[in-house]
Protein backbone atom coordinates (compact mmCIF):
# COMPACT_ATOMS: atom_id res chain seq x y z
CA UNK A 1 -36.32 71.69 65.94
CA UNK A 2 -38.79 74.28 64.73
CA UNK A 3 -42.44 73.29 64.44
CA UNK A 4 -44.18 75.67 62.03
CA UNK A 5 -47.71 76.39 60.79
CA UNK A 6 -49.38 74.79 63.78
CA UNK A 7 -52.60 75.66 65.57
CA UNK A 8 -50.94 75.95 68.96
CA UNK A 9 -53.02 75.34 72.08
CA UNK A 10 -50.65 76.32 74.86
CA UNK A 11 -53.00 75.40 77.76
CA UNK A 12 -51.89 78.73 79.20
CA UNK A 13 -55.23 80.27 78.14
CA UNK A 14 -53.74 81.16 74.76
CA UNK A 15 -54.37 79.78 71.28
CA UNK A 16 -52.07 80.79 68.43
CA UNK A 17 -54.04 80.04 65.29
CA UNK A 18 -50.94 79.85 63.09
CA UNK A 19 -47.72 79.66 65.02
CA UNK A 20 -44.35 78.08 65.64
CA UNK A 21 -42.40 76.46 68.47
CA UNK A 22 -38.61 76.29 68.60
CA UNK A 23 -37.01 73.72 70.87
CA UNK A 24 -33.42 73.59 72.07
CA UNK A 25 -32.16 70.44 73.69
CA UNK A 26 -35.03 69.16 75.80
CA UNK A 27 -36.68 72.56 76.41
CA UNK A 28 -39.00 74.96 74.63
CA UNK A 29 -36.97 78.02 73.62
CA UNK A 30 -39.48 80.12 71.69
CA UNK A 31 -43.06 80.14 70.54
CA UNK A 32 -45.25 82.67 68.82
CA UNK A 33 -47.06 83.53 65.61
CA UNK A 34 -45.76 82.56 62.21
CA UNK A 35 -45.60 86.26 61.42
CA UNK A 36 -43.09 86.82 64.21
CA UNK A 37 -41.15 83.70 63.19
CA UNK A 38 -40.80 84.91 59.60
CA UNK A 39 -39.72 88.36 60.77
CA UNK A 40 -37.02 86.84 62.97
CA UNK A 41 -35.88 84.51 60.23
CA UNK A 42 -35.64 87.26 57.62
CA UNK A 43 -33.92 89.75 59.92
CA UNK A 44 -31.94 87.38 62.15
CA UNK A 45 -33.76 89.08 65.04
CA UNK A 46 -32.54 87.87 68.39
CA UNK A 47 -29.09 86.99 67.09
CA UNK A 48 -25.87 88.89 67.91
CA UNK A 49 -25.44 92.18 66.03
CA UNK A 50 -22.25 90.96 64.36
CA UNK A 51 -24.24 88.15 62.79
CA UNK A 52 -24.02 84.39 63.03
CA UNK A 53 -20.57 82.97 63.58
CA UNK A 54 -21.69 79.63 62.20
CA UNK A 55 -24.68 78.20 60.40
CA UNK A 56 -27.46 77.07 62.73
CA UNK A 57 -28.96 73.81 61.50
CA UNK A 58 -32.56 73.25 62.53
CA UNK A 59 -35.03 70.52 61.74
CA UNK A 60 -38.11 72.20 60.31
CA UNK A 61 -41.37 70.36 60.96
CA UNK A 62 -44.22 71.86 58.94
CA UNK A 63 -47.45 70.54 60.50
CA UNK A 64 -49.73 72.36 58.04
CA UNK A 65 -52.44 73.50 60.42
CA UNK A 66 -52.42 70.50 62.75
CA UNK A 67 -53.20 70.96 66.46
CA UNK A 68 -50.03 71.40 68.51
CA UNK A 69 -50.48 70.78 72.22
CA UNK A 70 -48.47 69.92 75.31
CA UNK A 71 -48.03 66.19 75.68
CA UNK A 72 -51.03 64.60 77.39
CA UNK A 73 -50.74 63.48 81.02
CA UNK A 74 -52.26 60.47 82.76
CA UNK A 75 -52.60 61.33 86.46
CA UNK A 76 -53.30 57.87 87.88
CA UNK A 77 -52.23 54.56 86.37
CA UNK A 78 -50.54 51.25 87.05
CA UNK A 79 -48.67 51.14 83.76
CA UNK A 80 -45.50 49.06 83.88
CA UNK A 81 -46.60 47.54 87.19
CA UNK A 82 -49.69 45.69 85.96
CA UNK A 83 -48.21 44.81 82.60
CA UNK A 84 -50.12 43.94 79.46
CA UNK A 85 -49.90 40.50 77.85
CA UNK A 86 -48.10 38.68 80.66
CA UNK A 87 -50.90 38.07 83.18
CA UNK A 88 -50.31 37.32 86.84
CA UNK A 89 -46.57 36.79 86.48
CA UNK A 90 -46.10 40.46 85.51
CA UNK A 91 -48.67 41.92 87.91
CA UNK A 92 -46.80 43.64 90.74
CA UNK A 93 -49.58 46.08 91.60
CA UNK A 94 -50.54 44.94 95.11
CA UNK A 95 -48.41 43.52 97.93
CA UNK A 96 -51.53 41.97 99.43
CA UNK A 97 -49.85 40.39 102.43
CA UNK A 98 -49.66 43.41 104.73
CA UNK A 99 -52.21 46.26 104.81
CA UNK A 100 -49.56 48.91 105.60
CA UNK A 101 -46.59 49.14 103.21
CA UNK A 102 -45.52 52.81 102.89
CA UNK A 103 -41.95 51.77 102.11
CA UNK A 104 -42.83 50.12 98.79
CA UNK A 105 -41.62 52.13 95.80
CA UNK A 106 -43.20 51.89 92.36
CA UNK A 107 -39.72 52.65 91.04
CA UNK A 108 -38.65 49.12 91.96
CA UNK A 109 -41.46 47.35 90.08
CA UNK A 110 -42.15 49.47 87.02
CA UNK A 111 -41.09 47.87 83.75
CA UNK A 112 -40.61 50.39 80.90
CA UNK A 113 -40.83 47.47 78.44
CA UNK A 114 -44.59 47.18 79.12
CA UNK A 115 -46.25 47.50 75.67
CA UNK A 116 -48.71 49.96 77.20
CA UNK A 117 -45.99 52.62 77.11
CA UNK A 118 -46.02 52.49 73.32
CA UNK A 119 -49.81 52.75 73.31
CA UNK A 120 -49.54 55.82 75.51
CA UNK A 121 -47.01 57.42 73.18
CA UNK A 122 -49.22 56.68 70.16
CA UNK A 123 -52.03 58.58 71.93
CA UNK A 124 -49.81 61.63 72.53
CA UNK A 125 -49.34 60.84 76.24
CA UNK A 126 -45.85 61.95 77.25
CA UNK A 127 -45.94 61.52 81.03
CA UNK A 128 -47.80 59.55 83.66
CA UNK A 129 -48.24 59.16 87.41
CA UNK A 130 -47.80 55.45 88.19
CA UNK A 131 -47.82 53.39 91.33
CA UNK A 132 -49.25 50.58 93.43
CA UNK A 133 -52.88 49.52 93.60
CA UNK A 134 -55.58 49.78 96.23
CA UNK A 135 -55.63 46.42 98.02
CA UNK A 136 -53.69 47.87 100.96
CA UNK A 137 -54.72 50.65 103.30
CA UNK A 138 -51.28 52.11 102.57
CA UNK A 139 -49.94 50.83 99.28
CA UNK A 140 -46.65 52.66 98.83
CA UNK A 141 -45.04 55.43 96.82
CA UNK A 142 -46.08 56.64 93.36
CA UNK A 143 -43.70 58.25 90.88
CA UNK A 144 -44.19 60.64 87.97
CA UNK A 145 -42.29 59.75 84.81
CA UNK A 146 -41.99 60.25 81.06
CA UNK A 147 -43.40 57.53 78.81
CA UNK A 148 -40.23 57.10 76.71
CA UNK A 149 -37.18 55.17 77.87
CA UNK A 150 -35.66 51.83 78.74
CA UNK A 151 -34.27 52.69 82.19
CA UNK A 152 -36.92 53.91 84.61
CA UNK A 153 -34.36 55.89 86.61
CA UNK A 154 -33.78 58.11 83.56
CA UNK A 155 -37.53 58.56 82.92
CA UNK A 156 -38.36 59.91 86.37
CA UNK A 157 -39.59 63.48 86.77
CA UNK A 158 -40.59 63.24 90.45
CA UNK A 159 -40.04 60.38 92.92
CA UNK A 160 -41.63 59.89 95.34
CA UNK A 161 -44.58 61.83 93.97
CA UNK A 162 -47.37 60.64 96.29
CA UNK A 163 -48.23 58.09 98.97
CA UNK A 164 -51.02 55.71 97.98
CA UNK A 165 -53.79 55.04 100.50
CA UNK A 166 -57.13 53.31 99.90
CA UNK A 167 -60.65 53.34 101.28
CA UNK A 168 -63.79 51.37 100.56
CA UNK A 169 -64.27 47.97 99.00
CA UNK A 170 -60.74 47.07 97.94
CA UNK A 171 -58.86 46.89 101.26
CA UNK A 172 -62.05 45.69 103.00
CA UNK A 173 -62.38 42.69 100.67
CA UNK A 174 -58.66 42.04 100.14
CA UNK A 175 -58.19 41.34 103.85
CA UNK A 176 -61.73 40.62 105.04
CA UNK A 177 -62.01 37.72 102.60
CA UNK A 178 -58.89 36.25 104.24
CA UNK A 179 -60.41 36.70 107.70
CA UNK A 180 -57.84 39.39 108.45
CA UNK A 181 -57.88 42.99 109.63
CA UNK A 182 -59.26 45.27 108.20
CA UNK A 183 -62.59 43.77 107.22
CA UNK A 184 -64.64 46.95 107.66
CA UNK A 185 -64.45 50.60 106.67
CA UNK A 186 -63.94 51.41 110.35
CA UNK A 187 -60.93 49.13 110.39
CA UNK A 188 -59.43 50.78 107.30
CA UNK A 189 -59.79 54.25 108.82
CA UNK A 190 -58.37 53.09 112.16
CA UNK A 191 -55.30 51.55 110.53
CA UNK A 192 -54.56 54.73 108.57
CA UNK A 193 -55.02 56.91 111.65
CA UNK A 194 -52.75 54.65 113.69
CA UNK A 195 -49.88 54.73 111.20
CA UNK A 196 -50.19 58.49 110.72
CA UNK A 197 -50.19 58.96 114.51
CA UNK A 198 -47.00 56.91 114.76
CA UNK A 199 -45.48 58.87 111.87
CA UNK A 200 -46.21 62.20 113.59
CA UNK A 201 -44.52 60.98 116.78
CA UNK A 202 -41.55 59.76 114.78
CA UNK A 203 -41.19 63.10 113.00
CA UNK A 204 -41.43 65.03 116.28
CA UNK A 205 -38.59 62.97 117.72
CA UNK A 206 -36.53 63.41 114.57
CA UNK A 207 -37.10 67.17 114.47
CA UNK A 208 -36.16 67.53 118.15
CA UNK A 209 -32.95 65.52 117.74
CA UNK A 210 -34.18 62.80 120.12
CA UNK A 211 -34.42 60.08 117.50
CA UNK A 212 -32.00 57.28 118.33
CA UNK A 213 -32.02 55.65 114.89
CA UNK A 214 -33.82 55.95 111.57
CA UNK A 215 -36.84 53.73 110.98
CA UNK A 216 -37.18 52.33 107.47
CA UNK A 217 -40.96 52.02 107.82
CA UNK A 218 -41.43 55.55 109.16
CA UNK A 219 -39.09 57.56 106.94
CA UNK A 220 -41.43 57.44 103.88
CA UNK A 221 -43.99 59.47 105.86
CA UNK A 222 -41.69 62.47 106.33
CA UNK A 223 -42.39 64.06 102.90
CA UNK A 224 -46.12 63.47 103.48
CA UNK A 225 -46.09 65.20 106.87
CA UNK A 226 -43.96 68.01 105.44
CA UNK A 227 -46.62 68.40 102.71
CA UNK A 228 -43.99 67.85 100.03
CA UNK A 229 -46.11 65.08 98.51
CA UNK A 230 -49.81 64.29 98.98
CA UNK A 231 -51.67 61.22 100.07
CA UNK A 232 -53.14 59.67 96.92
CA UNK A 233 -56.48 58.39 98.17
CA UNK A 234 -58.40 55.69 96.32
CA UNK A 235 -61.99 56.67 97.17
CA UNK A 236 -65.09 56.02 95.05
CA UNK A 237 -68.14 56.22 97.32
CA UNK A 238 -69.27 59.49 98.90
CA UNK A 239 -68.77 58.27 102.47
CA UNK A 240 -65.27 57.03 101.64
CA UNK A 241 -64.42 60.40 100.08
CA UNK A 242 -65.56 62.15 103.25
CA UNK A 243 -63.59 59.77 105.48
CA UNK A 244 -60.49 60.43 103.41
CA UNK A 245 -60.98 64.19 103.76
CA UNK A 246 -61.64 63.86 107.50
CA UNK A 247 -58.41 61.97 108.18
CA UNK A 248 -56.27 64.24 105.97
CA UNK A 249 -57.59 67.28 107.83
CA UNK A 250 -56.98 65.67 111.22
CA UNK A 251 -53.29 65.20 110.41
CA UNK A 252 -52.78 68.35 108.35
CA UNK A 253 -51.62 66.57 105.20
CA UNK A 254 -52.38 67.16 101.53
CA UNK A 255 -54.41 64.72 99.48
CA UNK A 256 -55.65 63.98 96.00
CA UNK A 257 -59.03 62.24 95.74
CA UNK A 258 -58.49 59.55 93.13
CA UNK A 259 -61.51 58.15 91.24
CA UNK A 260 -64.02 60.32 93.12
CA UNK A 261 -66.89 58.42 91.51
CA UNK A 262 -69.49 59.96 93.83
CA UNK A 263 -67.69 63.27 94.37
CA UNK A 264 -70.53 64.99 92.51
CA UNK A 265 -72.86 63.89 95.35
CA UNK A 266 -70.75 65.67 98.00
CA UNK A 267 -69.37 68.44 95.81
CA UNK A 268 -69.72 71.14 98.49
CA UNK A 269 -67.61 69.16 100.97
CA UNK A 270 -65.01 68.38 98.32
CA UNK A 271 -64.86 72.05 97.41
CA UNK A 272 -64.46 73.03 101.07
CA UNK A 273 -61.60 70.53 101.50
CA UNK A 274 -59.52 72.20 98.80
CA UNK A 275 -58.36 68.80 97.56
CA UNK A 276 -58.27 68.08 93.80
CA UNK A 277 -60.03 65.11 92.23
CA UNK A 278 -58.74 62.67 89.62
CA UNK A 279 -61.93 61.37 88.00
CA UNK A 280 -62.33 57.91 86.51
CA UNK A 281 -62.14 55.40 85.09
CA UNK A 282 -65.56 56.10 83.63
CA UNK A 283 -64.90 54.14 80.43
CA UNK A 284 -65.40 50.79 82.17
CA UNK A 285 -68.19 48.59 83.49
CA UNK A 286 -69.90 49.13 86.85
CA UNK A 287 -68.23 46.00 88.15
CA UNK A 288 -68.62 46.65 91.88
CA UNK A 289 -71.06 48.34 94.21
CA UNK A 290 -69.03 51.44 94.99
CA UNK A 291 -69.06 52.60 91.37
CA UNK A 292 -72.79 52.23 90.70
CA UNK A 293 -73.12 56.01 90.38
CA UNK A 294 -70.28 56.33 87.87
CA UNK A 295 -71.08 59.02 85.30
CA UNK A 296 -69.12 61.24 82.92
CA UNK A 297 -71.21 64.16 84.23
CA UNK A 298 -69.10 64.14 87.40
CA UNK A 299 -66.46 66.16 85.53
CA UNK A 300 -68.98 68.87 84.64
CA UNK A 301 -70.22 69.15 88.25
CA UNK A 302 -66.69 69.47 89.66
CA UNK A 303 -65.73 72.00 87.00
CA UNK A 304 -68.77 74.18 87.69
CA UNK A 305 -67.89 74.11 91.40
CA UNK A 306 -64.39 75.40 90.63
CA UNK A 307 -62.66 72.23 91.83
CA UNK A 308 -59.33 71.34 90.23
CA UNK A 309 -59.77 67.96 88.53
CA UNK A 310 -58.15 65.67 86.00
CA UNK A 311 -59.38 62.65 84.06
CA UNK A 312 -57.86 59.17 84.35
CA UNK A 313 -58.14 55.80 82.63
CA UNK A 314 -56.74 54.03 85.71
CA UNK A 315 -54.84 51.85 83.24
CA UNK A 316 -55.19 48.88 82.89
CA UNK A 317 -58.79 49.19 84.16
CA UNK A 318 -59.40 51.02 80.90
CA UNK A 319 -56.72 51.36 78.27
CA UNK A 320 -54.32 54.27 78.64
CA UNK A 321 -54.55 55.12 74.96
CA UNK A 322 -58.21 56.02 75.47
CA UNK A 323 -57.41 58.95 77.78
CA UNK A 324 -58.30 61.65 75.21
CA UNK A 325 -61.53 59.80 74.38
CA UNK A 326 -62.48 59.79 78.07
CA UNK A 327 -62.05 63.56 78.05
CA UNK A 328 -64.18 63.72 74.90
CA UNK A 329 -66.99 61.79 76.58
CA UNK A 330 -66.83 64.19 79.52
CA UNK A 331 -67.32 67.01 76.99
CA UNK A 332 -70.23 65.11 75.46
CA UNK A 333 -71.84 65.12 78.91
CA UNK A 334 -71.52 68.85 79.42
CA UNK A 335 -67.90 69.71 80.23
CA UNK A 336 -66.71 72.70 78.14
CA UNK A 337 -64.28 71.80 75.35
CA UNK A 338 -61.34 73.80 76.70
CA UNK A 339 -61.77 72.29 80.16
CA UNK A 340 -61.78 68.81 78.65
CA UNK A 341 -58.37 69.51 77.14
CA UNK A 342 -57.10 71.01 80.40
CA UNK A 343 -58.23 67.86 82.27
CA UNK A 344 -55.58 65.83 80.40
CA UNK A 345 -52.79 68.45 80.25
CA UNK A 346 -52.26 71.33 82.65
CA UNK A 347 -54.70 70.15 85.35
CA UNK A 348 -52.98 66.79 85.98
CA UNK A 349 -49.62 68.59 85.86
CA UNK A 350 -50.79 70.85 88.69
CA UNK A 351 -52.32 67.99 90.67
CA UNK A 352 -49.12 65.94 90.34
CA UNK A 353 -47.04 69.04 91.22
CA UNK A 354 -44.95 69.00 88.06
CA UNK A 355 -46.47 72.02 86.29
CA UNK A 356 -43.10 73.80 86.27
CA UNK A 357 -41.94 71.23 83.70
CA UNK A 358 -44.94 69.80 81.83
CA UNK A 359 -48.61 70.36 81.11
CA UNK A 360 -48.44 73.47 78.93
CA UNK A 361 -46.41 74.98 76.12
CA UNK A 362 -44.27 77.71 77.63
CA UNK A 363 -40.69 78.89 77.22
CA UNK A 364 -38.46 76.99 79.66
CA UNK A 365 -40.72 73.97 80.03
CA UNK A 366 -39.84 70.48 78.80
CA UNK A 367 -40.28 70.05 75.05
CA UNK A 368 -43.00 67.42 75.43
CA UNK A 369 -45.35 68.08 72.53
CA UNK A 370 -48.22 66.19 70.92
CA UNK A 371 -49.36 67.04 67.40
CA UNK A 372 -52.79 65.91 66.26
CA UNK A 373 -54.68 65.99 62.96
CA UNK A 374 -57.52 67.72 64.85
CA UNK A 375 -59.13 67.71 68.26
CA UNK A 376 -57.61 64.73 70.16
CA UNK A 377 -60.90 64.18 72.00
CA UNK A 378 -62.58 63.17 68.73
CA UNK A 379 -62.44 59.51 67.84
CA UNK A 380 -61.17 59.90 64.25
CA UNK A 381 -58.31 62.24 65.15
CA UNK A 382 -54.82 60.87 64.53
CA UNK A 383 -51.71 61.50 66.58
CA UNK A 384 -49.27 62.76 63.96
CA UNK A 385 -46.21 63.24 66.18
CA UNK A 386 -45.31 62.65 69.79
CA UNK A 387 -42.25 64.58 70.93
CA UNK A 388 -40.60 63.95 74.30
CA UNK A 389 -37.68 66.02 75.55
CA UNK A 390 -37.35 67.61 72.13
CA UNK A 391 -37.09 64.33 70.20
CA UNK A 392 -39.67 62.83 67.84
CA UNK A 393 -40.59 59.54 69.49
CA UNK A 394 -43.58 58.64 67.33
CA UNK A 395 -44.70 59.63 63.82
CA UNK A 396 -47.95 58.53 62.27
CA UNK A 397 -47.69 56.39 59.15
CA UNK A 398 -50.48 54.90 57.07
CA UNK A 399 -50.75 51.14 57.52
């Protein structure tokens, strides 16, 4: 496929006002100005000197000035796990019977038939980080996957991609309301420290060759302790954010601060931690105490501090298809336009550690491309095409 006459926003700090992208298989093979494309086409530049041995058939997609961007990325969602339409019977988000379940894998619960996947594709979202909820202190393993497919195993980009942990109201109420441990923030922190302490001891034995047998409940911590994947910390309130940072530093592990509702109130400490923040969902009601200071301005404050951040809908808390609108509202409240676009493309790719494949338009990366009638952060903009792995998955048609 060759996409021509597009306004190409590469998210690599380059805008090609009138350009082209050539894909081959599921990768981006070329991109540049239309001038260079026409020169190559007229002179067969880049082809063998003895000419073409056979005719190369290419699908030409003339987008006539539309915005061509990398596919959008949702960095924190429960899509396919808390399914739309089916209610409780299709809600597999929280195993709320044990506060420590690191061995749970989102891979085993995620249903690609969830209608929300189609809504994501219609919004130009081509990949997503999905996993368990925040009822447990340790909820289990997230995965990063494409939004197109019928078999989740074939959609996976990275698995496991993170280990979910939670602070604040959710684990406190999920178990405290049952008269179980933990019922306080102290209890939540103590449980997480205890399991990490056990995991460190387990790893030391394994590394020294003294481990007698593998432990199913401990093995999931190895990639966390090796810093191959981060802890994915549900933390809204400022004190919960600081507790999350404190524990991660104690055990020398990486972390993403998910939600970060009050991160703007402790921005210096967040900056010092070096941990990125996944902000949101801000397009929802202030339904509980720990999100009373929710504000789209948080994105602006983090950006000005030089903190790597992304924007999330936390689907289904707010609808995944509204991801670009959430970025637009952040821009309305002071975030620069380019940084709003980065917060739903290259930034989440970096935070989810998949930037070698997705998040920007670059030769060698996956051909995941979203084409919009204009700025996707504006409410009247239409998604014209969504392309995943070099194939057109969605095309806009008038109703």
